[in-house]
């Protein structure tokens, strides 16, 4: 009786162990592959069967469950040695954000190890960096002219990462350092180039200023000539009108006009007490002082 009881208990434990081994859970944010004797299990469509989150059943001992984290991963790479178009190398620190896109291909290329995936991805992105930086100069790198490089780098890195079953979400350069033997030469060349550009702009500015000044002087001369001509015309018209008025007035009363002009002459001649005039007695200037 005891033997039968022990056998039943052992059978229950064995059955529980079998059932427990047949059940497995795929967490949210994960995917899984069933490896049948080391080979990826295929579905009815002859394609790798990717297990989605949930509780699932499989045969123990024969099948093995390989889990994959589908969340976003960040690979931080420091001091990659990259050459520019001038064959001067720079040290580039960057990071890449990636996630698994093709689970079966990812397993075939990396055996499911994320460390191996990051190493292979770093090699591919370094190749893309070398190709991108090989098209720009060191001065352009310093000047920050690498916006297009980043766009091309992301696209090229994504294309190469697909060979690993990976999708590259973003690639960003964190820092670019220059070796000591290159830094001084680069900045000397930059200063020389900036001085040349400054001299060129200054010369162009002086030339433009001279042209503007010459045109302004010309305009001033033309305006003054036009103003003088207009003033002469107005003055001539005024003098003509004044002469006409004088002539009309003289025609109306010649004696009164003569007296008025004489008084004006006296007024202009004797402006102060110290003014005196020596004339002959029969001079016409003091005609009206002699009596009519």
Protein backbone atom coordinates (compact mmCIF):
# COMPACT_ATOMS: atom_id res chain seq x y z
CA UNK A 1 0.00 0.00 0.00
CA UNK A 2 2.79 2.39 0.87
CA UNK A 3 4.55 1.50 -2.35
CA UNK A 4 1.46 2.27 -4.40
CA UNK A 5 1.04 5.59 -2.57
CA UNK A 6 4.66 6.53 -3.19
CA UNK A 7 4.30 5.61 -6.86
CA UNK A 8 1.20 7.78 -7.19
CA UNK A 9 2.97 10.73 -5.53
CA UNK A 10 5.99 10.28 -7.80
CA UNK A 11 3.73 10.08 -10.85
CA UNK A 12 1.96 13.26 -9.80
CA UNK A 13 5.25 15.09 -9.33
CA UNK A 14 6.50 13.77 -12.68
CA UNK A 15 3.28 14.85 -14.39
CA UNK A 16 3.51 18.28 -12.75
CA UNK A 17 7.11 18.58 -13.88
CA UNK A 18 6.15 17.64 -17.44
CA UNK A 19 3.26 20.13 -17.51
CA UNK A 20 5.42 22.87 -15.98
CA UNK A 21 8.13 22.19 -18.56
CA UNK A 22 5.61 22.39 -21.40
CA UNK A 23 4.32 25.82 -20.44
CA UNK A 24 6.25 29.03 -20.99
CA UNK A 25 5.42 32.74 -20.93
CA UNK A 26 6.51 35.46 -23.31
CA UNK A 27 6.49 38.83 -21.55
CA UNK A 28 5.27 42.10 -23.03
CA UNK A 29 8.06 43.67 -25.06
CA UNK A 30 9.47 40.25 -25.92
CA UNK A 31 9.32 37.83 -28.81
CA UNK A 32 10.44 34.21 -28.87
CA UNK A 33 11.52 31.49 -31.27
CA UNK A 34 11.06 27.75 -30.82
CA UNK A 35 14.28 25.88 -31.52
CA UNK A 36 13.58 22.29 -32.46
CA UNK A 37 16.79 20.32 -31.98
CA UNK A 38 18.71 23.53 -32.51
CA UNK A 39 16.84 24.56 -35.66
CA UNK A 40 14.28 27.37 -35.88
CA UNK A 41 10.76 25.94 -35.85
CA UNK A 42 8.73 26.86 -38.93
CA UNK A 43 5.02 27.58 -39.19
CA UNK A 44 2.49 26.24 -41.67
CA UNK A 45 3.65 28.92 -44.14
CA UNK A 46 7.21 27.52 -43.98
CA UNK A 47 8.40 30.72 -42.32
CA UNK A 48 10.00 31.02 -38.87
CA UNK A 49 7.31 30.99 -36.21
CA UNK A 50 7.66 34.07 -34.00
CA UNK A 51 5.95 33.71 -30.63
CA UNK A 52 4.09 36.79 -29.38
CA UNK A 53 3.49 37.74 -25.71
CA UNK A 54 1.30 35.37 -23.73
CA UNK A 55 1.21 31.85 -22.22
CA UNK A 56 2.24 29.12 -24.65
CA UNK A 57 2.82 25.37 -24.78
CA UNK A 58 5.78 23.45 -26.19
CA UNK A 59 7.40 20.04 -25.92
CA UNK A 60 10.17 19.98 -23.35
CA UNK A 61 13.59 18.44 -23.99
CA UNK A 62 12.95 18.45 -27.77
CA UNK A 63 12.18 22.17 -28.13
CA UNK A 64 13.95 25.12 -26.58
CA UNK A 65 12.51 28.62 -26.25
CA UNK A 66 14.80 31.51 -27.25
CA UNK A 67 13.64 34.90 -25.95
CA UNK A 68 14.36 38.29 -27.57
CA UNK A 69 13.98 41.78 -26.11
CA UNK A 70 12.14 43.93 -28.69
CA UNK A 71 12.53 47.17 -26.77
CA UNK A 72 14.77 50.05 -27.85
CA UNK A 73 18.47 49.48 -27.18
CA UNK A 74 21.27 52.04 -26.94
CA UNK A 75 24.83 51.27 -27.95
CA UNK A 76 27.31 53.90 -26.69
CA UNK A 77 30.56 53.89 -28.70
CA UNK A 78 33.59 55.91 -27.60
CA UNK A 79 36.66 57.09 -29.49
CA UNK A 80 36.23 55.49 -32.88
CA UNK A 81 39.14 56.49 -35.11
CA UNK A 82 37.71 57.99 -38.32
CA UNK A 83 39.64 59.57 -41.23
CA UNK A 84 38.51 62.68 -43.12
CA UNK A 85 39.00 63.38 -46.82
CA UNK A 86 42.44 64.83 -46.00
CA UNK A 87 43.51 61.54 -44.38
CA UNK A 88 43.59 63.18 -40.96
CA UNK A 89 41.94 61.10 -38.32
CA UNK A 90 39.50 62.27 -35.65
CA UNK A 91 38.15 60.51 -32.59
CA UNK A 92 34.38 60.23 -32.74
CA UNK A 93 32.11 59.41 -29.81
CA UNK A 94 28.59 58.46 -30.84
CA UNK A 95 25.59 56.45 -29.81
CA UNK A 96 23.13 54.41 -31.84
CA UNK A 97 19.58 53.47 -30.88
CA UNK A 98 18.33 50.22 -32.39
CA UNK A 99 15.78 47.49 -31.99
CA UNK A 100 15.26 43.99 -33.35
CA UNK A 101 13.21 44.02 -36.55
CA UNK A 102 13.59 40.48 -37.93
CA UNK A 103 13.78 38.00 -35.04
CA UNK A 104 14.79 34.94 -37.10
CA UNK A 105 17.50 36.80 -39.03
CA UNK A 106 18.76 38.40 -35.82
CA UNK A 107 19.15 34.94 -34.24
CA UNK A 108 20.91 33.55 -37.30
CA UNK A 109 23.42 36.42 -37.36
CA UNK A 110 24.05 36.84 -33.63
CA UNK A 111 22.87 33.57 -32.03
CA UNK A 112 20.68 35.74 -29.84
CA UNK A 113 23.52 37.51 -28.02
CA UNK A 114 23.00 41.25 -27.75
CA UNK A 115 26.72 41.83 -27.07
CA UNK A 116 27.59 40.21 -30.38
CA UNK A 117 24.86 42.23 -32.11
CA UNK A 118 26.26 45.49 -30.70
CA UNK A 119 29.78 44.54 -31.82
CA UNK A 120 28.65 43.75 -35.37
CA UNK A 121 26.50 46.89 -35.48
CA UNK A 122 29.44 49.02 -34.29
CA UNK A 123 31.60 47.65 -37.11
CA UNK A 124 28.97 48.45 -39.72
CA UNK A 125 28.37 51.97 -38.39
CA UNK A 126 32.12 52.63 -38.23
CA UNK A 127 32.32 51.68 -41.90
CA UNK A 128 29.44 54.06 -42.65
CA UNK A 129 31.17 56.80 -40.61
CA UNK A 130 34.40 56.34 -42.56
CA UNK A 131 32.51 56.60 -45.83
CA UNK A 132 30.63 59.73 -44.69
CA UNK A 133 33.59 61.54 -43.11
CA UNK A 134 35.78 60.61 -46.06
CA UNK A 135 33.78 63.09 -48.15
CA UNK A 136 34.33 66.16 -45.92
CA UNK A 137 37.43 68.01 -44.76
CA UNK A 138 38.66 68.43 -41.21
CA UNK A 139 37.78 72.12 -41.24
CA UNK A 140 34.21 71.26 -42.27
CA UNK A 141 34.04 68.84 -39.34
CA UNK A 142 35.22 71.59 -36.97
CA UNK A 143 32.81 74.11 -38.48
CA UNK A 144 29.92 71.73 -37.74
CA UNK A 145 29.00 71.13 -41.39
CA UNK A 146 27.88 67.59 -40.75
CA UNK A 147 24.08 67.85 -40.80
CA UNK A 148 23.83 66.08 -44.14
CA UNK A 149 26.43 63.59 -42.97
CA UNK A 150 24.18 62.56 -40.08
CA UNK A 151 21.21 62.00 -42.37
CA UNK A 152 23.29 59.93 -44.81
CA UNK A 153 24.91 58.06 -41.93
CA UNK A 154 21.56 57.10 -40.43
CA UNK A 155 20.21 55.87 -43.74
CA UNK A 156 23.35 53.89 -44.60
CA UNK A 157 23.63 52.45 -41.10
CA UNK A 158 20.00 51.36 -41.24
CA UNK A 159 20.57 49.62 -44.57
CA UNK A 160 23.59 47.73 -43.25
CA UNK A 161 21.89 46.92 -39.94
CA UNK A 162 19.08 45.15 -41.77
CA UNK A 163 21.60 42.45 -42.62
CA UNK A 164 21.58 41.66 -38.88
CA UNK A 165 17.79 41.81 -38.57
CA UNK A 166 18.14 45.16 -36.77
CA UNK A 167 16.44 48.52 -37.38
CA UNK A 168 18.49 51.64 -36.55
CA UNK A 169 16.23 54.30 -35.04
CA UNK A 170 18.83 57.04 -34.64
CA UNK A 171 22.57 57.72 -34.79
CA UNK A 172 24.01 60.77 -33.05
CA UNK A 173 27.58 62.05 -32.74
CA UNK A 174 28.25 63.10 -29.16
CA UNK A 175 31.76 64.49 -29.49
CA UNK A 176 34.61 64.83 -31.96
CA UNK A 177 38.16 65.15 -30.67
CA UNK A 178 41.35 65.81 -32.59
CA UNK A 179 44.78 64.40 -31.82
CA UNK A 180 47.25 66.93 -30.43
CA UNK A 181 49.49 66.81 -33.48
CA UNK A 182 46.55 67.73 -35.74
CA UNK A 183 44.74 70.31 -33.62
CA UNK A 184 47.25 73.18 -33.92
CA UNK A 185 47.69 72.67 -37.67
CA UNK A 186 43.95 72.62 -38.24
CA UNK A 187 43.31 75.77 -36.24
CA UNK A 188 46.23 77.56 -37.94
CA UNK A 189 44.74 76.73 -41.33
CA UNK A 190 41.33 77.92 -40.11
CA UNK A 191 42.77 81.23 -38.88
CA UNK A 192 44.62 81.75 -42.17
CA UNK A 193 41.50 81.01 -44.17
CA UNK A 194 39.38 83.33 -42.02
CA UNK A 195 41.94 86.13 -42.43
CA UNK A 196 41.87 85.63 -46.19
CA UNK A 197 38.10 85.75 -46.21
CA UNK A 198 38.11 88.85 -43.96
CA UNK A 199 40.61 90.60 -46.25
CA UNK A 200 38.53 89.70 -49.28
CA UNK A 201 35.31 90.98 -47.68
CA UNK A 202 37.06 94.13 -46.46
CA UNK A 203 38.42 94.83 -49.96
CA UNK A 204 35.02 94.25 -51.51
CA UNK A 205 33.49 96.56 -48.90
CA UNK A 206 35.99 99.34 -49.61
CA UNK A 207 35.38 99.00 -53.34
CA UNK A 208 31.63 99.12 -52.86
CA UNK A 209 31.95 102.11 -50.51
CA UNK A 210 34.06 104.00 -53.06
CA UNK A 211 31.54 103.26 -55.80
CA UNK A 212 28.67 104.45 -53.58
CA UNK A 213 30.62 107.55 -52.56
CA UNK A 214 31.44 108.40 -56.20
CA UNK A 215 27.82 107.95 -57.24
CA UNK A 216 26.69 110.10 -54.30
CA UNK A 217 29.17 112.88 -55.17
CA UNK A 218 27.96 112.74 -58.75
CA UNK A 219 24.34 113.01 -57.63
CA UNK A 220 25.23 115.96 -55.36
CA UNK A 221 26.95 117.81 -58.23
CA UNK A 222 23.99 117.18 -60.51
CA UNK A 223 21.50 118.29 -57.85
CA UNK A 224 23.47 121.45 -57.07
CA UNK A 225 23.75 122.32 -60.78
CA UNK A 226 20.04 121.79 -61.22
CA UNK A 227 19.32 123.90 -58.12
CA UNK A 228 21.60 126.69 -59.30
CA UNK A 229 19.99 126.68 -62.72
CA UNK A 230 16.52 126.77 -61.20
CA UNK A 231 17.60 129.59 -58.83
CA UNK A 232 19.07 131.58 -61.74
CA UNK A 233 15.87 131.13 -63.71
CA UNK A 234 13.74 132.23 -60.74
CA UNK A 235 16.07 135.16 -60.03
CA UNK A 236 15.93 136.22 -63.69
CA UNK A 237 12.14 136.04 -63.64
CA UNK A 238 12.07 138.07 -60.40
CA UNK A 239 14.41 140.68 -61.76
CA UNK A 240 12.40 140.89 -64.94
CA UNK A 241 9.19 141.28 -62.96
CA UNK A 242 10.82 143.88 -60.68
CA UNK A 243 12.09 145.83 -63.68
CA UNK A 244 8.61 145.75 -65.16
CA UNK A 245 7.11 147.02 -61.89
CA UNK A 246 9.73 149.76 -61.66
CA UNK A 247 9.07 150.74 -65.24
CA UNK A 248 5.30 150.87 -64.68
CA UNK A 249 5.77 152.96 -61.52
CA UNK A 250 8.20 155.33 -63.27
CA UNK A 251 5.75 155.80 -66.13
CA UNK A 252 2.91 156.83 -63.77
CA UNK A 253 4.83 159.66 -61.94
CA UNK A 254 8.37 160.24 -63.06
CA UNK A 255 9.08 163.03 -60.58
CA UNK A 256 7.84 161.06 -57.56
CA UNK A 257 9.79 158.00 -58.70
CA UNK A 258 12.94 160.12 -58.98
CA UNK A 259 12.40 161.53 -55.48
CA UNK A 260 11.83 158.03 -54.03
CA UNK A 261 14.98 156.65 -55.62
CA UNK A 262 16.99 159.63 -54.35
CA UNK A 263 15.74 159.12 -50.79
CA UNK A 264 16.67 155.44 -50.96
CA UNK A 265 20.13 156.43 -52.19
CA UNK A 266 20.52 158.90 -49.27
CA UNK A 267 19.45 156.22 -46.82
CA UNK A 268 21.97 153.69 -48.14
CA UNK A 269 24.78 156.24 -48.33
CA UNK A 270 24.45 157.85 -44.88
CA UNK A 271 23.98 154.96 -42.46
CA UNK A 272 25.83 156.57 -39.52
CA UNK A 273 26.85 160.00 -38.24
CA UNK A 274 30.42 159.50 -39.38
CA UNK A 275 29.50 159.08 -43.05
CA UNK A 276 30.29 162.04 -45.30
CA UNK A 277 30.42 162.64 -49.03
CA UNK A 278 32.38 165.27 -50.98
CA UNK A 279 30.66 166.39 -54.20
CA UNK A 280 30.76 169.32 -56.54
CA UNK A 281 28.15 172.04 -55.86
CA UNK A 282 26.32 171.42 -59.09
CA UNK A 283 26.10 167.59 -58.57
CA UNK A 284 22.68 166.04 -59.17
CA UNK A 285 22.99 163.82 -56.08
CA UNK A 286 21.69 166.52 -53.72
CA UNK A 287 19.22 167.82 -56.22
CA UNK A 288 16.28 167.67 -53.79
CA UNK A 289 18.24 169.38 -51.01
CA UNK A 290 18.60 172.51 -53.16
CA UNK A 291 14.87 173.04 -53.49
CA UNK A 292 12.63 172.54 -56.45
